Amino acid sequence: MIRTRRGLVAAVITLAGLTLAGVMFFASRQPSSQLNEELAAQVTRVLEQASPDEHHAHGHSFESRVVCAVEPFGTEPPGAKALVEVRWVYARHMCAVTGVSPDWAASVRASGPIAVKIDIPPQIRVPESGAGYPDRVRNLIPKRYHEQAFAEFSDDSAIEAARERFAQVSQTAR
């Protein structure tokens, strides 16, 4: 009876340890919310501080300020744990151009998946719109992120924050 009870306790402890190890392994494979916040802030800065010439190079032409919402959904390398480890960020973005209208809803906007290389200088890759757009997205974004690339923003807080900044920038420009 003593051997059986000790064996049962050992089995329970082993099973609990294996379960905890499995949970920790899978949790460690997911980017932390802090890393996602840092990536969103970094990509937002890159997009909002790009010059008109840089915006023109990826299909946008305007002279006003740009305000963006960004939601990262992947990185290269895929298991990056810190911003310094990230070479590429894959994200959904929505950018609005100030100056045309002080109202977010009436502003000129661009949105969709993008790839941004975190480098000096950073590189922004945006798939061209039009016929063949889904294929261009698939060519830009790694296969493991294709489903997320075609998804909508999962959290409206980034868009709400961009709307607020847009209103502030538009009001200051008047």
C-alpha atoms as a PDB file:
ATOM      1  CA  MET A   1       0.000   0.000   0.000  1.00  0.00           C
ATOM      2  CA  ILE A   2       2.854   2.397   0.813  1.00  0.00           C
ATOM      3  CA  ARG A   3       4.456   1.799  -2.605  1.00  0.00           C
ATOM      4  CA  THR A   4       1.145   2.388  -4.349  1.00  0.00           C
ATOM      5  CA  ARG A   5       0.476   5.633  -2.525  1.00  0.00           C
ATOM      6  CA  ARG A   6       4.027   6.894  -3.188  1.00  0.00           C
ATOM      7  CA  GLY A   7       3.690   5.863  -6.816  1.00  0.00           C
ATOM      8  CA  LEU A   8       0.379   7.703  -7.100  1.00  0.00           C
ATOM      9  CA  VAL A   9       1.849  10.865  -5.537  1.00  0.00           C
ATOM     10  CA  ALA A  10       4.876  10.650  -7.831  1.00  0.00           C
ATOM     11  CA  ALA A  11       2.621  10.163 -10.866  1.00  0.00           C
ATOM     12  CA  VAL A  12       0.459  13.163  -9.910  1.00  0.00           C
ATOM     13  CA  ILE A  13       3.525  15.357  -9.354  1.00  0.00           C
ATOM     14  CA  THR A  14       5.049  14.219 -12.660  1.00  0.00           C
ATOM     15  CA  LEU A  15       1.796  14.841 -14.531  1.00  0.00           C
ATOM     16  CA  ALA A  16       1.434  18.308 -12.960  1.00  0.00           C
ATOM     17  CA  GLY A  17       5.032  19.116 -13.886  1.00  0.00           C
ATOM     18  CA  LEU A  18       4.544  17.995 -17.488  1.00  0.00           C
ATOM     19  CA  THR A  19       1.317  19.980 -17.767  1.00  0.00           C
ATOM     20  CA  LEU A  20       3.005  23.110 -16.404  1.00  0.00           C
ATOM     21  CA  ALA A  21       5.952  22.630 -18.775  1.00  0.00           C
ATOM     22  CA  GLY A  22       3.568  22.297 -21.732  1.00  0.00           C
ATOM     23  CA  VAL A  23       1.654  25.432 -20.760  1.00  0.00           C
ATOM     24  CA  MET A  24       4.898  27.377 -20.322  1.00  0.00           C
ATOM     25  CA  PHE A  25       6.197  26.136 -23.698  1.00  0.00           C
ATOM     26  CA  PHE A  26       3.084  27.228 -25.592  1.00  0.00           C
ATOM     27  CA  ALA A  27       2.831  30.503 -23.695  1.00  0.00           C
ATOM     28  CA  SER A  28       6.445  31.256 -24.553  1.00  0.00           C
ATOM     29  CA  ARG A  29       5.696  30.748 -28.276  1.00  0.00           C
ATOM     30  CA  GLN A  30       3.166  33.599 -28.288  1.00  0.00           C
ATOM     31  CA  PRO A  31       4.445  37.173 -28.548  1.00  0.00           C
ATOM     32  CA  SER A  32       3.901  39.000 -25.289  1.00  0.00           C
ATOM     33  CA  SER A  33       1.396  41.806 -25.142  1.00  0.00           C
ATOM     34  CA  GLN A  34       4.278  44.120 -24.206  1.00  0.00           C
ATOM     35  CA  LEU A  35       6.199  43.148 -27.353  1.00  0.00           C
ATOM     36  CA  ASN A  36       3.058  43.690 -29.468  1.00  0.00           C
ATOM     37  CA  GLU A  37       2.614  47.151 -27.915  1.00  0.00           C
ATOM     38  CA  GLU A  38       6.261  47.996 -28.628  1.00  0.00           C
ATOM     39  CA  LEU A  39       5.976  46.743 -32.211  1.00  0.00           C
ATOM     40  CA  ALA A  40       2.744  48.696 -32.766  1.00  0.00           C
ATOM     41  CA  ALA A  41       4.367  51.884 -31.435  1.00  0.00           C
ATOM     42  CA  GLN A  42       7.493  51.352 -33.564  1.00  0.00           C
ATOM     43  CA  VAL A  43       5.568  50.701 -36.799  1.00  0.00           C
ATOM     44  CA  THR A  44       3.182  53.601 -36.080  1.00  0.00           C
ATOM     45  CA  ARG A  45       6.187  55.936 -35.703  1.00  0.00           C
ATOM     46  CA  VAL A  46       7.729  54.623 -38.924  1.00  0.00           C
ATOM     47  CA  LEU A  47       4.499  55.179 -40.879  1.00  0.00           C
ATOM     48  CA  GLU A  48       3.639  58.566 -39.370  1.00  0.00           C
ATOM     49  CA  GLN A  49       7.156  59.983 -39.711  1.00  0.00           C
ATOM     50  CA  ALA A  50       7.683  58.859 -43.306  1.00  0.00           C
ATOM     51  CA  SER A  51       8.275  61.705 -45.728  1.00  0.00           C
ATOM     52  CA  PRO A  52       5.841  62.438 -48.586  1.00  0.00           C
ATOM     53  CA  ASP A  53       8.432  60.903 -50.974  1.00  0.00           C
ATOM     54  CA  GLU A  54       8.556  57.719 -48.885  1.00  0.00           C
ATOM     55  CA  HIS A  55       4.754  57.504 -48.883  1.00  0.00           C
ATOM     56  CA  HIS A  56       4.735  58.081 -52.637  1.00  0.00           C
ATOM     57  CA  ALA A  57       7.185  55.174 -53.050  1.00  0.00           C
ATOM     58  CA  HIS A  58       4.584  52.802 -51.631  1.00  0.00           C
ATOM     59  CA  GLY A  59       1.622  54.178 -53.528  1.00  0.00           C
ATOM     60  CA  HIS A  60       0.370  57.186 -51.551  1.00  0.00           C
ATOM     61  CA  SER A  61       0.564  60.787 -52.714  1.00  0.00           C
ATOM     62  CA  PHE A  62      -0.247  63.733 -50.404  1.00  0.00           C
ATOM     63  CA  GLU A  63       1.369  66.608 -48.545  1.00  0.00           C
ATOM     64  CA  SER A  64      -0.518  66.475 -45.223  1.00  0.00           C
ATOM     65  CA  ARG A  65       0.226  64.593 -41.987  1.00  0.00           C
ATOM     66  CA  VAL A  66      -0.558  60.910 -41.627  1.00  0.00           C
ATOM     67  CA  VAL A  67      -2.093  59.318 -38.526  1.00  0.00           C
ATOM     68  CA  CYS A  68      -2.032  55.529 -38.239  1.00  0.00           C
ATOM     69  CA  ALA A  69      -3.420  52.637 -36.255  1.00  0.00           C
ATOM     70  CA  VAL A  70      -1.277  49.490 -36.248  1.00  0.00           C
ATOM     71  CA  GLU A  71      -1.948  45.968 -34.994  1.00  0.00           C
ATOM     72  CA  PRO A  72       0.972  43.525 -35.346  1.00  0.00           C
ATOM     73  CA  PHE A  73       0.144  39.887 -36.074  1.00  0.00           C
ATOM     74  CA  GLY A  74       3.568  38.375 -36.708  1.00  0.00           C
ATOM     75  CA  THR A  75       7.314  38.783 -36.685  1.00  0.00           C
ATOM     76  CA  GLU A  76      10.448  37.495 -38.322  1.00  0.00           C
ATOM     77  CA  PRO A  77      11.905  35.592 -36.615  1.00  0.00           C
ATOM     78  CA  PRO A  78       8.597  34.073 -35.508  1.00  0.00           C
ATOM     79  CA  GLY A  79       9.715  33.331 -31.929  1.00  0.00           C
ATOM     80  CA  ALA A  80      11.077  36.815 -31.152  1.00  0.00           C
ATOM     81  CA  LYS A  81      10.655  37.763 -27.497  1.00  0.00           C
ATOM     82  CA  ALA A  82      12.063  41.308 -27.549  1.00  0.00           C
ATOM     83  CA  LEU A  83      12.027  44.249 -29.948  1.00  0.00           C
ATOM     84  CA  VAL A  84      15.786  43.961 -30.552  1.00  0.00           C
ATOM     85  CA  GLU A  85      15.275  40.425 -31.914  1.00  0.00           C
ATOM     86  CA  VAL A  86      12.675  41.471 -34.512  1.00  0.00           C
ATOM     87  CA  ARG A  87      13.806  41.967 -38.117  1.00  0.00           C
ATOM     88  CA  TRP A  88      10.371  42.197 -39.767  1.00  0.00           C
ATOM     89  CA  VAL A  89       6.950  43.079 -38.374  1.00  0.00           C
ATOM     90  CA  TYR A  90       3.778  41.954 -40.138  1.00  0.00           C
ATOM     91  CA  ALA A  91       0.798  44.088 -39.197  1.00  0.00           C
ATOM     92  CA  ARG A  92      -2.605  45.431 -40.114  1.00  0.00           C
ATOM     93  CA  HIS A  93      -2.587  49.185 -40.543  1.00  0.00           C
ATOM     94  CA  MET A  94      -5.074  51.960 -41.141  1.00  0.00           C
ATOM     95  CA  CYS A  95      -3.677  55.390 -41.930  1.00  0.00           C
ATOM     96  CA  ALA A  96      -5.664  58.573 -42.440  1.00  0.00           C
ATOM     97  CA  VAL A  97      -4.427  61.730 -44.145  1.00  0.00           C
ATOM     98  CA  THR A  98      -5.126  65.049 -42.429  1.00  0.00           C
ATOM     99  CA  GLY A  99      -5.824  68.199 -44.394  1.00  0.00           C
ATOM    100  CA  VAL A 100      -8.479  66.908 -46.798  1.00  0.00           C
ATOM    101  CA  SER A 101     -11.086  66.799 -44.042  1.00  0.00           C
ATOM    102  CA  PRO A 102     -10.902  67.424 -40.298  1.00  0.00           C
ATOM    103  CA  ASP A 103     -13.301  64.475 -39.878  1.00  0.00           C
ATOM    104  CA  TRP A 104     -11.826  60.954 -39.623  1.00  0.00           C
ATOM    105  CA  ALA A 105     -14.847  59.421 -41.359  1.00  0.00           C
ATOM    106  CA  ALA A 106     -14.416  61.702 -44.403  1.00  0.00           C
ATOM    107  CA  SER A 107     -10.610  61.497 -44.528  1.00  0.00           C
ATOM    108  CA  VAL A 108      -8.559  59.754 -47.177  1.00  0.00           C
ATOM    109  CA  ARG A 109      -7.453  56.436 -45.675  1.00  0.00           C
ATOM    110  CA  ALA A 110      -5.357  53.439 -46.606  1.00  0.00           C
ATOM    111  CA  SER A 111      -5.470  50.113 -44.802  1.00  0.00           C
ATOM    112  CA  GLY A 112      -4.421  46.497 -45.057  1.00  0.00           C
ATOM    113  CA  PRO A 113      -1.509  44.247 -44.238  1.00  0.00           C
ATOM    114  CA  ILE A 114       2.040  45.587 -44.381  1.00  0.00           C
ATOM    115  CA  ALA A 115       5.552  44.341 -43.747  1.00  0.00           C
ATOM    116  CA  VAL A 116       8.007  46.658 -42.013  1.00  0.00           C
ATOM    117  CA  LYS A 117      11.697  45.921 -41.659  1.00  0.00           C
ATOM    118  CA  ILE A 118      12.990  47.271 -38.372  1.00  0.00           C
ATOM    119  CA  ASP A 119      16.276  48.739 -39.540  1.00  0.00           C
ATOM    120  CA  ILE A 120      18.015  52.050 -40.142  1.00  0.00           C
ATOM    121  CA  PRO A 121      16.357  53.248 -42.260  1.00  0.00           C
ATOM    122  CA  PRO A 122      13.238  51.125 -41.866  1.00  0.00           C
ATOM    123  CA  GLN A 123      11.665  49.567 -44.959  1.00  0.00           C
ATOM    124  CA  ILE A 124       7.911  49.583 -45.539  1.00  0.00           C
ATOM    125  CA  ARG A 125       6.344  47.123 -47.963  1.00  0.00           C
ATOM    126  CA  VAL A 126       2.710  47.531 -48.934  1.00  0.00           C
ATOM    127  CA  PRO A 127       0.998  45.235 -51.440  1.00  0.00           C
ATOM    128  CA  GLU A 128      -0.373  47.194 -54.415  1.00  0.00           C
ATOM    129  CA  SER A 129      -4.160  47.273 -54.579  1.00  0.00           C
ATOM    130  CA  GLY A 130      -6.162  46.208 -57.615  1.00  0.00           C
ATOM    131  CA  ALA A 131      -6.443  42.967 -59.525  1.00  0.00           C
ATOM    132  CA  GLY A 132      -4.261  40.266 -57.989  1.00  0.00           C
ATOM    133  CA  TYR A 133      -4.150  41.947 -54.562  1.00  0.00           C
ATOM    134  CA  PRO A 134      -4.645  38.707 -52.546  1.00  0.00           C
ATOM    135  CA  ASP A 135      -1.710  37.095 -54.361  1.00  0.00           C
ATOM    136  CA  ARG A 136       0.501  40.127 -53.675  1.00  0.00           C
ATOM    137  CA  VAL A 137      -0.435  39.901 -49.967  1.00  0.00           C
ATOM    138  CA  ARG A 138       0.453  36.192 -49.936  1.00  0.00           C
ATOM    139  CA  ASN A 139       3.794  36.973 -51.592  1.00  0.00           C
ATOM    140  CA  LEU A 140       4.564  39.672 -49.011  1.00  0.00           C
ATOM    141  CA  ILE A 141       3.415  37.921 -45.825  1.00  0.00           C
ATOM    142  CA  PRO A 142       4.802  34.503 -44.750  1.00  0.00           C
ATOM    143  CA  LYS A 143       2.344  31.622 -45.144  1.00  0.00           C
ATOM    144  CA  ARG A 144       2.049  31.081 -41.378  1.00  0.00           C
ATOM    145  CA  TYR A 145       0.406  34.553 -41.135  1.00  0.00           C
ATOM    146  CA  HIS A 146      -1.881  34.480 -44.192  1.00  0.00           C
ATOM    147  CA  GLU A 147      -5.086  34.084 -42.173  1.00  0.00           C
ATOM    148  CA  GLN A 148      -4.196  37.054 -39.936  1.00  0.00           C
ATOM    149  CA  ALA A 149      -3.145  39.143 -42.952  1.00  0.00           C
ATOM    150  CA  PHE A 150      -6.689  39.056 -44.323  1.00  0.00           C
ATOM    151  CA  ALA A 151      -8.407  39.566 -40.942  1.00  0.00           C
ATOM    152  CA  GLU A 152      -9.840  42.788 -39.562  1.00  0.00           C
ATOM    153  CA  PHE A 153      -8.405  44.582 -36.529  1.00  0.00           C
ATOM    154  CA  SER A 154      -9.117  42.349 -33.541  1.00  0.00           C
ATOM    155  CA  ASP A 155      -9.169  45.296 -31.119  1.00  0.00           C
ATOM    156  CA  ASP A 156     -10.650  48.699 -31.925  1.00  0.00           C
ATOM    157  CA  SER A 157      -8.513  50.501 -29.323  1.00  0.00           C
ATOM    158  CA  ALA A 158      -5.695  51.190 -31.823  1.00  0.00           C
ATOM    159  CA  ILE A 159      -8.174  52.712 -34.289  1.00  0.00           C
ATOM    160  CA  GLU A 160      -9.845  54.758 -31.533  1.00  0.00           C
ATOM    161  CA  ALA A 161      -6.449  56.109 -30.418  1.00  0.00           C
ATOM    162  CA  ALA A 162      -5.644  57.034 -34.031  1.00  0.00           C
ATOM    163  CA  ARG A 163      -9.005  58.805 -34.393  1.00  0.00           C
ATOM    164  CA  GLU A 164      -8.242  60.870 -31.290  1.00  0.00           C
ATOM    165  CA  ARG A 165      -4.761  61.799 -32.572  1.00  0.00           C
ATOM    166  CA  PHE A 166      -6.285  62.612 -35.980  1.00  0.00           C
ATOM    167  CA  ALA A 167      -8.766  65.012 -34.339  1.00  0.00           C
ATOM    168  CA  GLN A 168      -5.965  66.692 -32.366  1.00  0.00           C
ATOM    169  CA  VAL A 169      -3.705  67.044 -35.430  1.00  0.00           C
ATOM    170  CA  SER A 170      -6.589  68.327 -37.578  1.00  0.00           C
ATOM    171  CA  GLN A 171      -7.589  70.877 -34.942  1.00  0.00           C
ATOM    172  CA  THR A 172      -3.993  72.124 -34.547  1.00  0.00           C
ATOM    173  CA  ALA A 173      -3.598  72.500 -38.313  1.00  0.00           C
ATOM    174  CA  ARG A 174      -6.494  74.952 -38.539  1.00  0.00           C
END
